[in-house]
Amino acid sequence: MSEKTGSRILVIDDDRDMLKMLEAMLVLDGFSVSLCSDPDKGLATAAEELPDLILLDMVMPRKSGLEVMMEIRSSPATSRIPILFLSAVGEEAVVVKALKGADDYVIKPFKTLELEARILKILERTAHGDGVPADRPAKLQRLPVQRGDETLLIPLPEIYYFEAAGKYSYANTRDRRFLTNFSLGQLEERLPEAGFIRTHRSHIVNVDCVRKVTRDKTKGTCVVMADDAETRLKVSDSQLHLVKERLGL
C-alpha cells in the first residue's frame, strides 16, 4: 500500500496490468492504494483495512465480481463501503444487477479523467469523502513510475527536475531518468508548491536541488541543477521573477 495521503482505495482485479495502471493513476491523485488480484484475498483485505472505496472487476476466476459484492454487502463490517465496478461487460442485465448493490459502474476501456471524476463523486457523497476536494487532487508525496513490470514509488525529494516528453514527462533523479505517464500540467497540479516550481514550459524543478543560477550564451537565465550532470535548464522570462523570489535572489 502506498503512503497515505488521502482516502484509501482497494482495487480487486485479476488483470495485473490493470492493477499497475490503476495504482499509478490513484497514487498520483494522492490516494492510499491496496491491490488484490485474488477475489478471496480482496475480501479479506476489505475486512481488515475497511477502505473508503473498492474498485471491483466483474469477471474473475473462482469468484465473480457480483459474488464478491454480495459478500461485502452481507458483512456488517464492510456493508457500507462504496463499490465502483470496472468491467468490460456492458450487457444491460449485468449492469442493472451490479448497480443494485454498487455505487457506480464503469465500462473498460475507460478514460482516466472520467474515472477520477466518478471516484471523487462517490467519495463526496459518503462520509468517507471528507478531505477529498472535488476541485483539486491531493498533493503527492511519492511519484509512481514504471520500470519493466514494476511500479516504483520515488520519494519527491529524490526527484531533481521534470522535463516534458510529448504529452508525458521524464522524472530525473541525481543520476537516473524515468518516463512517467503524466504531463507536466498534471504534475504541476499535484506537486507540493513549497518544493517545486515551473521554470519553463518544458521544465519543473525541485527548488532544493538548484545548485546555482547563471546565464547562457544568449544572456538568458538558467538554473544549474545539483545532479551528476549539472544539468542547465532555461528559465523563461515569464517565470524569472517567481524563480528569483523562490530562490531568495
C-alpha atoms as a PDB file:
ATOM      1  CA  MET A   1       0.000   0.000   0.000  1.00  0.00           C
ATOM      2  CA  SER A   2       1.272   3.453  -0.833  1.00  0.00           C
ATOM      3  CA  GLU A   3       1.909   6.087   1.796  1.00  0.00           C
ATOM      4  CA  LYS A   4      -1.387   7.513   2.924  1.00  0.00           C
ATOM      5  CA  THR A   5      -2.077  10.986   1.574  1.00  0.00           C
ATOM      6  CA  GLY A   6      -5.830  10.766   1.073  1.00  0.00           C
ATOM      7  CA  SER A   7      -8.736   8.342   1.058  1.00  0.00           C
ATOM      8  CA  ARG A   8      -7.991   4.611   0.973  1.00  0.00           C
ATOM      9  CA  ILE A   9      -8.913   2.664  -2.153  1.00  0.00           C
ATOM     10  CA  LEU A  10      -8.861  -1.112  -2.578  1.00  0.00           C
ATOM     11  CA  VAL A  11      -8.633  -2.473  -6.148  1.00  0.00           C
ATOM     12  CA  ILE A  12      -9.724  -6.076  -6.778  1.00  0.00           C
ATOM     13  CA  ASP A  13      -8.924  -7.191 -10.330  1.00  0.00           C
ATOM     14  CA  ASP A  14      -7.237 -10.330 -11.710  1.00  0.00           C
ATOM     15  CA  ASP A  15      -5.609  -8.344 -14.554  1.00  0.00           C
ATOM     16  CA  ARG A  16      -2.168  -7.394 -13.204  1.00  0.00           C
ATOM     17  CA  ASP A  17      -1.554  -4.817 -15.945  1.00  0.00           C
ATOM     18  CA  MET A  18      -4.813  -3.124 -14.969  1.00  0.00           C
ATOM     19  CA  LEU A  19      -3.732  -3.179 -11.317  1.00  0.00           C
ATOM     20  CA  LYS A  20      -0.439  -1.459 -12.158  1.00  0.00           C
ATOM     21  CA  MET A  21      -2.143   1.175 -14.270  1.00  0.00           C
ATOM     22  CA  LEU A  22      -4.754   1.923 -11.603  1.00  0.00           C
ATOM     23  CA  GLU A  23      -2.102   2.069  -8.881  1.00  0.00           C
ATOM     24  CA  ALA A  24      -0.087   4.642 -10.825  1.00  0.00           C
ATOM     25  CA  MET A  25      -3.183   6.764 -11.503  1.00  0.00           C
ATOM     26  CA  LEU A  26      -4.542   6.631  -7.951  1.00  0.00           C
ATOM     27  CA  VAL A  27      -1.220   7.251  -6.222  1.00  0.00           C
ATOM     28  CA  LEU A  28      -0.700  10.301  -8.420  1.00  0.00           C
ATOM     29  CA  ASP A  29      -4.086  11.570  -7.235  1.00  0.00           C
ATOM     30  CA  GLY A  30      -2.940  11.236  -3.627  1.00  0.00           C
ATOM     31  CA  PHE A  31      -4.863   8.120  -2.606  1.00  0.00           C
ATOM     32  CA  SER A  32      -3.567   5.246  -0.489  1.00  0.00           C
ATOM     33  CA  VAL A  33      -3.907   2.111  -2.615  1.00  0.00           C
ATOM     34  CA  SER A  34      -4.155  -1.624  -1.875  1.00  0.00           C
ATOM     35  CA  LEU A  35      -4.110  -4.114  -4.776  1.00  0.00           C
ATOM     36  CA  CYS A  36      -5.556  -7.642  -4.852  1.00  0.00           C
ATOM     37  CA  SER A  37      -5.595  -9.951  -7.869  1.00  0.00           C
ATOM     38  CA  ASP A  38      -7.473 -12.705  -5.995  1.00  0.00           C
ATOM     39  CA  PRO A  39     -11.158 -12.220  -5.029  1.00  0.00           C
ATOM     40  CA  ASP A  40     -10.876 -14.027  -1.689  1.00  0.00           C
ATOM     41  CA  LYS A  41      -7.783 -12.063  -0.730  1.00  0.00           C
ATOM     42  CA  GLY A  42      -9.649  -8.923  -1.742  1.00  0.00           C
ATOM     43  CA  LEU A  43     -12.492  -9.798   0.635  1.00  0.00           C
ATOM     44  CA  ALA A  44     -10.027 -10.396   3.466  1.00  0.00           C
ATOM     45  CA  THR A  45      -8.270  -7.091   2.739  1.00  0.00           C
ATOM     46  CA  ALA A  46     -11.582  -5.225   2.683  1.00  0.00           C
ATOM     47  CA  ALA A  47     -12.475  -6.613   6.121  1.00  0.00           C
ATOM     48  CA  GLU A  48      -9.029  -5.839   7.519  1.00  0.00           C
ATOM     49  CA  GLU A  49      -8.438  -2.361   6.076  1.00  0.00           C
ATOM     50  CA  LEU A  50     -12.028  -1.065   5.712  1.00  0.00           C
ATOM     51  CA  PRO A  51     -11.144   1.097   2.681  1.00  0.00           C
ATOM     52  CA  ASP A  52     -13.076   4.213   1.715  1.00  0.00           C
ATOM     53  CA  LEU A  53     -13.854   2.785  -1.750  1.00  0.00           C
ATOM     54  CA  ILE A  54     -13.492  -0.538  -3.568  1.00  0.00           C
ATOM     55  CA  LEU A  55     -12.819  -0.717  -7.315  1.00  0.00           C
ATOM     56  CA  LEU A  56     -14.052  -4.147  -8.357  1.00  0.00           C
ATOM     57  CA  ASP A  57     -13.667  -6.175 -11.559  1.00  0.00           C
ATOM     58  CA  MET A  58     -16.689  -8.154 -12.752  1.00  0.00           C
ATOM     59  CA  VAL A  59     -15.141 -11.223 -14.418  1.00  0.00           C
ATOM     60  CA  MET A  60     -12.547 -13.026 -12.259  1.00  0.00           C
ATOM     61  CA  PRO A  61     -11.578 -16.678 -11.766  1.00  0.00           C
ATOM     62  CA  ARG A  62     -13.220 -18.668  -8.949  1.00  0.00           C
ATOM     63  CA  LYS A  63     -15.495 -15.831  -7.872  1.00  0.00           C
ATOM     64  CA  SER A  64     -17.278 -13.147  -9.913  1.00  0.00           C
ATOM     65  CA  GLY A  65     -17.446  -9.504  -9.018  1.00  0.00           C
ATOM     66  CA  LEU A  66     -21.148  -9.897  -8.236  1.00  0.00           C
ATOM     67  CA  GLU A  67     -20.340 -12.649  -5.727  1.00  0.00           C
ATOM     68  CA  VAL A  68     -17.631 -10.508  -4.137  1.00  0.00           C
ATOM     69  CA  MET A  69     -20.062  -7.596  -3.885  1.00  0.00           C
ATOM     70  CA  MET A  70     -22.712  -9.777  -2.237  1.00  0.00           C
ATOM     71  CA  GLU A  71     -20.219 -10.964   0.386  1.00  0.00           C
ATOM     72  CA  ILE A  72     -19.095  -7.393   1.052  1.00  0.00           C
ATOM     73  CA  ARG A  73     -22.697  -6.254   1.470  1.00  0.00           C
ATOM     74  CA  SER A  74     -23.614  -9.226   3.695  1.00  0.00           C
ATOM     75  CA  SER A  75     -20.933  -8.448   6.288  1.00  0.00           C
ATOM     76  CA  PRO A  76     -21.815  -5.747   8.850  1.00  0.00           C
ATOM     77  CA  ALA A  77     -18.194  -4.589   8.917  1.00  0.00           C
ATOM     78  CA  THR A  78     -17.987  -3.922   5.163  1.00  0.00           C
ATOM     79  CA  SER A  79     -21.613  -3.471   4.113  1.00  0.00           C
ATOM     80  CA  ARG A  80     -21.398   0.326   3.826  1.00  0.00           C
ATOM     81  CA  ILE A  81     -18.137   0.519   1.842  1.00  0.00           C
ATOM     82  CA  PRO A  82     -18.833   2.132  -1.583  1.00  0.00           C
ATOM     83  CA  ILE A  83     -18.168  -0.100  -4.595  1.00  0.00           C
ATOM     84  CA  LEU A  84     -17.363   1.013  -8.138  1.00  0.00           C
ATOM     85  CA  PHE A  85     -17.360  -1.726 -10.779  1.00  0.00           C
ATOM     86  CA  LEU A  86     -14.736  -1.646 -13.538  1.00  0.00           C
ATOM     87  CA  SER A  87     -15.734  -4.137 -16.187  1.00  0.00           C
ATOM     88  CA  ALA A  88     -15.515  -4.960 -19.881  1.00  0.00           C
ATOM     89  CA  VAL A  89     -19.034  -6.422 -19.585  1.00  0.00           C
ATOM     90  CA  GLY A  90     -21.570  -3.895 -20.834  1.00  0.00           C
ATOM     91  CA  GLU A  91     -24.701  -6.039 -21.004  1.00  0.00           C
ATOM     92  CA  GLU A  92     -27.653  -4.147 -19.578  1.00  0.00           C
ATOM     93  CA  ALA A  93     -28.835  -7.043 -17.389  1.00  0.00           C
ATOM     94  CA  VAL A  94     -25.396  -7.361 -15.753  1.00  0.00           C
ATOM     95  CA  VAL A  95     -25.056  -3.622 -15.208  1.00  0.00           C
ATOM     96  CA  VAL A  96     -28.532  -3.385 -13.640  1.00  0.00           C
ATOM     97  CA  LYS A  97     -27.812  -6.314 -11.317  1.00  0.00           C
ATOM     98  CA  ALA A  98     -24.475  -4.781 -10.290  1.00  0.00           C
ATOM     99  CA  LEU A  99     -25.995  -1.377  -9.557  1.00  0.00           C
ATOM    100  CA  LYS A 100     -28.440  -2.942  -7.117  1.00  0.00           C
ATOM    101  CA  GLY A 101     -25.526  -3.174  -4.713  1.00  0.00           C
ATOM    102  CA  ALA A 102     -22.790  -0.972  -6.181  1.00  0.00           C
ATOM    103  CA  ASP A 103     -22.459   2.804  -6.325  1.00  0.00           C
ATOM    104  CA  ASP A 104     -21.305   3.063  -9.951  1.00  0.00           C
ATOM    105  CA  TYR A 105     -20.340   1.002 -12.985  1.00  0.00           C
ATOM    106  CA  VAL A 106     -17.605   1.996 -15.452  1.00  0.00           C
ATOM    107  CA  ILE A 107     -17.031   0.016 -18.651  1.00  0.00           C
ATOM    108  CA  LYS A 108     -13.483  -0.835 -19.760  1.00  0.00           C
ATOM    109  CA  PRO A 109     -11.656   0.634 -21.528  1.00  0.00           C
ATOM    110  CA  PHE A 110     -12.322   3.861 -19.669  1.00  0.00           C
ATOM    111  CA  LYS A 111     -10.958   7.395 -19.791  1.00  0.00           C
ATOM    112  CA  THR A 112      -8.756   8.255 -16.816  1.00  0.00           C
ATOM    113  CA  LEU A 113     -10.323  11.654 -16.182  1.00  0.00           C
ATOM    114  CA  GLU A 114     -13.814  10.166 -16.237  1.00  0.00           C
ATOM    115  CA  LEU A 115     -12.852   7.514 -13.696  1.00  0.00           C
ATOM    116  CA  GLU A 116     -11.207  10.123 -11.454  1.00  0.00           C
ATOM    117  CA  ALA A 117     -14.390  12.211 -11.562  1.00  0.00           C
ATOM    118  CA  ARG A 118     -16.597   9.230 -10.683  1.00  0.00           C
ATOM    119  CA  ILE A 119     -14.340   8.262  -7.770  1.00  0.00           C
ATOM    120  CA  LEU A 120     -14.432  11.776  -6.350  1.00  0.00           C
ATOM    121  CA  LYS A 121     -18.190  11.945  -6.783  1.00  0.00           C
ATOM    122  CA  ILE A 122     -18.673   8.751  -4.770  1.00  0.00           C
ATOM    123  CA  LEU A 123     -16.319   9.918  -2.030  1.00  0.00           C
ATOM    124  CA  GLU A 124     -18.051  13.291  -1.874  1.00  0.00           C
ATOM    125  CA  ARG A 125     -21.430  11.777  -1.180  1.00  0.00           C
ATOM    126  CA  THR A 126     -20.213   9.394   1.522  1.00  0.00           C
ATOM    127  CA  ALA A 127     -18.965  10.111   4.999  1.00  0.00           C
ATOM    128  CA  HIS A 128     -15.578   8.783   3.885  1.00  0.00           C
ATOM    129  CA  GLY A 129     -15.202  11.572   1.363  1.00  0.00           C
ATOM    130  CA  ASP A 130     -14.137  14.177   3.916  1.00  0.00           C
ATOM    131  CA  GLY A 131     -10.866  15.790   2.969  1.00  0.00           C
ATOM    132  CA  VAL A 132     -11.018  14.819  -0.713  1.00  0.00           C
ATOM    133  CA  PRO A 133     -11.736  18.071  -2.576  1.00  0.00           C
ATOM    134  CA  ALA A 134     -13.566  17.811  -5.879  1.00  0.00           C
ATOM    135  CA  ASP A 135     -11.804  20.732  -7.485  1.00  0.00           C
ATOM    136  CA  ARG A 136      -8.179  19.838  -6.770  1.00  0.00           C
ATOM    137  CA  PRO A 137      -6.415  16.499  -6.266  1.00  0.00           C
ATOM    138  CA  ALA A 138      -4.421  15.722  -3.124  1.00  0.00           C
ATOM    139  CA  LYS A 139      -0.724  16.581  -3.185  1.00  0.00           C
ATOM    140  CA  LEU A 140       1.833  13.912  -3.939  1.00  0.00           C
ATOM    141  CA  GLN A 141       4.463  12.600  -1.577  1.00  0.00           C
ATOM    142  CA  ARG A 142       5.837   9.921  -3.933  1.00  0.00           C
ATOM    143  CA  LEU A 143       5.743   9.596  -7.709  1.00  0.00           C
ATOM    144  CA  PRO A 144       4.793   6.298  -9.397  1.00  0.00           C
ATOM    145  CA  VAL A 145       6.924   5.410 -12.443  1.00  0.00           C
ATOM    146  CA  GLN A 146       7.095   2.219 -14.490  1.00  0.00           C
ATOM    147  CA  ARG A 147      10.259   0.123 -14.824  1.00  0.00           C
ATOM    148  CA  GLY A 148       9.518  -3.067 -16.733  1.00  0.00           C
ATOM    149  CA  ASP A 149       6.864  -4.993 -14.832  1.00  0.00           C
ATOM    150  CA  GLU A 150       7.381  -2.955 -11.654  1.00  0.00           C
ATOM    151  CA  THR A 151       5.853   0.281 -10.408  1.00  0.00           C
ATOM    152  CA  LEU A 152       8.467   2.272  -8.491  1.00  0.00           C
ATOM    153  CA  LEU A 153       7.362   4.883  -5.960  1.00  0.00           C
ATOM    154  CA  ILE A 154      10.053   7.564  -5.907  1.00  0.00           C
ATOM    155  CA  PRO A 155      10.091   9.986  -2.930  1.00  0.00           C
ATOM    156  CA  LEU A 156       9.746  13.529  -4.258  1.00  0.00           C
ATOM    157  CA  PRO A 157      12.946  14.816  -2.581  1.00  0.00           C
ATOM    158  CA  GLU A 158      14.880  12.384  -4.813  1.00  0.00           C
ATOM    159  CA  ILE A 159      13.496  13.993  -7.982  1.00  0.00           C
ATOM    160  CA  TYR A 160      15.668  16.903  -9.136  1.00  0.00           C
ATOM    161  CA  TYR A 161      13.540  18.049 -12.074  1.00  0.00           C
ATOM    162  CA  PHE A 162      10.849  17.075 -14.581  1.00  0.00           C
ATOM    163  CA  GLU A 163      11.104  17.648 -18.315  1.00  0.00           C
ATOM    164  CA  ALA A 164       8.396  17.454 -20.954  1.00  0.00           C
ATOM    165  CA  ALA A 165       8.336  14.451 -23.287  1.00  0.00           C
ATOM    166  CA  GLY A 166       5.469  14.972 -25.722  1.00  0.00           C
ATOM    167  CA  LYS A 167       2.240  14.536 -23.785  1.00  0.00           C
ATOM    168  CA  TYR A 168       4.158  12.825 -20.953  1.00  0.00           C
ATOM    169  CA  SER A 169       7.237  13.786 -18.932  1.00  0.00           C
ATOM    170  CA  TYR A 170      10.540  12.476 -17.586  1.00  0.00           C
ATOM    171  CA  ALA A 171      11.365  12.490 -13.880  1.00  0.00           C
ATOM    172  CA  ASN A 172      15.102  13.000 -13.298  1.00  0.00           C
ATOM    173  CA  THR A 173      16.896  11.960 -10.109  1.00  0.00           C
ATOM    174  CA  ARG A 174      20.569  12.554  -9.302  1.00  0.00           C
ATOM    175  CA  ASP A 175      21.723  10.025 -11.881  1.00  0.00           C
ATOM    176  CA  ARG A 176      18.650   8.422 -13.498  1.00  0.00           C
ATOM    177  CA  ARG A 177      15.714   9.332 -15.691  1.00  0.00           C
ATOM    178  CA  PHE A 178      12.245   7.733 -15.650  1.00  0.00           C
ATOM    179  CA  LEU A 179       9.415   8.175 -18.136  1.00  0.00           C
ATOM    180  CA  THR A 180       6.155   8.954 -16.330  1.00  0.00           C
ATOM    181  CA  ASN A 181       2.610   8.554 -17.633  1.00  0.00           C
ATOM    182  CA  PHE A 182       1.723  12.144 -16.806  1.00  0.00           C
ATOM    183  CA  SER A 183       2.108  15.560 -18.384  1.00  0.00           C
ATOM    184  CA  LEU A 184       3.846  18.492 -16.727  1.00  0.00           C
ATOM    185  CA  GLY A 185       0.443  20.142 -16.328  1.00  0.00           C
ATOM    186  CA  GLN A 186      -0.925  17.156 -14.396  1.00  0.00           C
ATOM    187  CA  LEU A 187       2.168  17.047 -12.207  1.00  0.00           C
ATOM    188  CA  GLU A 188       2.089  20.783 -11.558  1.00  0.00           C
ATOM    189  CA  GLU A 189      -1.378  20.439 -10.018  1.00  0.00           C
ATOM    190  CA  ARG A 190      -0.250  17.714  -7.624  1.00  0.00           C
ATOM    191  CA  LEU A 191       3.317  18.627  -6.627  1.00  0.00           C
ATOM    192  CA  PRO A 192       3.770  20.445  -3.298  1.00  0.00           C
ATOM    193  CA  GLU A 193       4.086  24.152  -4.051  1.00  0.00           C
ATOM    194  CA  ALA A 194       6.791  24.609  -1.421  1.00  0.00           C
ATOM    195  CA  GLY A 195       9.139  22.163  -3.137  1.00  0.00           C
ATOM    196  CA  PHE A 196       8.712  22.544  -6.909  1.00  0.00           C
ATOM    197  CA  ILE A 197       8.433  25.424  -9.351  1.00  0.00           C
ATOM    198  CA  ARG A 198       7.804  25.752 -13.086  1.00  0.00           C
ATOM    199  CA  THR A 199      10.860  27.421 -14.637  1.00  0.00           C
ATOM    200  CA  HIS A 200       9.863  26.961 -18.262  1.00  0.00           C
ATOM    201  CA  ARG A 201       7.009  25.446 -20.259  1.00  0.00           C
ATOM    202  CA  SER A 202       9.208  22.334 -20.590  1.00  0.00           C
ATOM    203  CA  HIS A 203      10.583  22.062 -17.033  1.00  0.00           C
ATOM    204  CA  ILE A 204       9.586  21.851 -13.375  1.00  0.00           C
ATOM    205  CA  VAL A 205      12.465  21.886 -10.879  1.00  0.00           C
ATOM    206  CA  ASN A 206      12.946  20.892  -7.259  1.00  0.00           C
ATOM    207  CA  VAL A 207      13.947  24.153  -5.578  1.00  0.00           C
ATOM    208  CA  ASP A 208      16.189  22.329  -3.092  1.00  0.00           C
ATOM    209  CA  CYS A 209      18.151  20.755  -5.960  1.00  0.00           C
ATOM    210  CA  VAL A 210      19.161  24.006  -7.692  1.00  0.00           C
ATOM    211  CA  ARG A 211      22.937  24.463  -7.312  1.00  0.00           C
ATOM    212  CA  LYS A 212      23.294  27.896  -8.905  1.00  0.00           C
ATOM    213  CA  VAL A 213      21.802  30.430 -11.292  1.00  0.00           C
ATOM    214  CA  THR A 214      23.779  31.505 -14.356  1.00  0.00           C
ATOM    215  CA  ARG A 215      23.496  32.961 -17.857  1.00  0.00           C
ATOM    216  CA  ASP A 216      23.612  31.147 -21.192  1.00  0.00           C
ATOM    217  CA  LYS A 217      25.266  32.388 -24.408  1.00  0.00           C
ATOM    218  CA  THR A 218      22.217  34.454 -25.287  1.00  0.00           C
ATOM    219  CA  LYS A 219      22.290  36.149 -21.845  1.00  0.00           C
ATOM    220  CA  GLY A 220      19.223  34.208 -20.814  1.00  0.00           C
ATOM    221  CA  THR A 221      18.866  32.949 -17.241  1.00  0.00           C
ATOM    222  CA  CYS A 222      19.466  29.272 -16.443  1.00  0.00           C
ATOM    223  CA  VAL A 223      19.360  27.209 -13.283  1.00  0.00           C
ATOM    224  CA  VAL A 224      22.098  24.624 -12.814  1.00  0.00           C
ATOM    225  CA  MET A 225      20.877  21.514 -11.034  1.00  0.00           C
ATOM    226  CA  ALA A 226      22.857  19.569  -8.421  1.00  0.00           C
ATOM    227  CA  ASP A 227      22.568  16.273 -10.312  1.00  0.00           C
ATOM    228  CA  ASP A 228      25.656  14.388 -11.505  1.00  0.00           C
ATOM    229  CA  ALA A 229      25.440  16.011 -14.950  1.00  0.00           C
ATOM    230  CA  GLU A 230      24.992  19.547 -13.532  1.00  0.00           C
ATOM    231  CA  THR A 231      22.086  19.966 -15.944  1.00  0.00           C
ATOM    232  CA  ARG A 232      21.353  23.508 -17.143  1.00  0.00           C
ATOM    233  CA  LEU A 233      17.690  24.404 -17.540  1.00  0.00           C
ATOM    234  CA  LYS A 234      16.479  27.606 -19.131  1.00  0.00           C
ATOM    235  CA  VAL A 235      14.261  29.970 -17.149  1.00  0.00           C
ATOM    236  CA  SER A 236      11.595  31.680 -19.254  1.00  0.00           C
ATOM    237  CA  ASP A 237      11.164  35.445 -18.908  1.00  0.00           C
ATOM    238  CA  SER A 238       7.622  34.975 -17.625  1.00  0.00           C
ATOM    239  CA  GLN A 239       8.846  32.786 -14.743  1.00  0.00           C
ATOM    240  CA  LEU A 240      12.038  34.679 -13.911  1.00  0.00           C
ATOM    241  CA  HIS A 241      10.568  36.878 -11.165  1.00  0.00           C
ATOM    242  CA  LEU A 242       8.934  33.909  -9.421  1.00  0.00           C
ATOM    243  CA  VAL A 243      12.090  31.803  -9.680  1.00  0.00           C
ATOM    244  CA  LYS A 244      14.211  34.561  -8.147  1.00  0.00           C
ATOM    245  CA  GLU A 245      11.674  35.020  -5.376  1.00  0.00           C
ATOM    246  CA  ARG A 246      11.589  31.304  -4.550  1.00  0.00           C
ATOM    247  CA  LEU A 247      15.396  31.090  -4.570  1.00  0.00           C
ATOM    248  CA  GLY A 248      15.744  34.199  -2.406  1.00  0.00           C
ATOM    249  CA  LEU A 249      17.567  36.228  -5.060  1.00  0.00           C
END
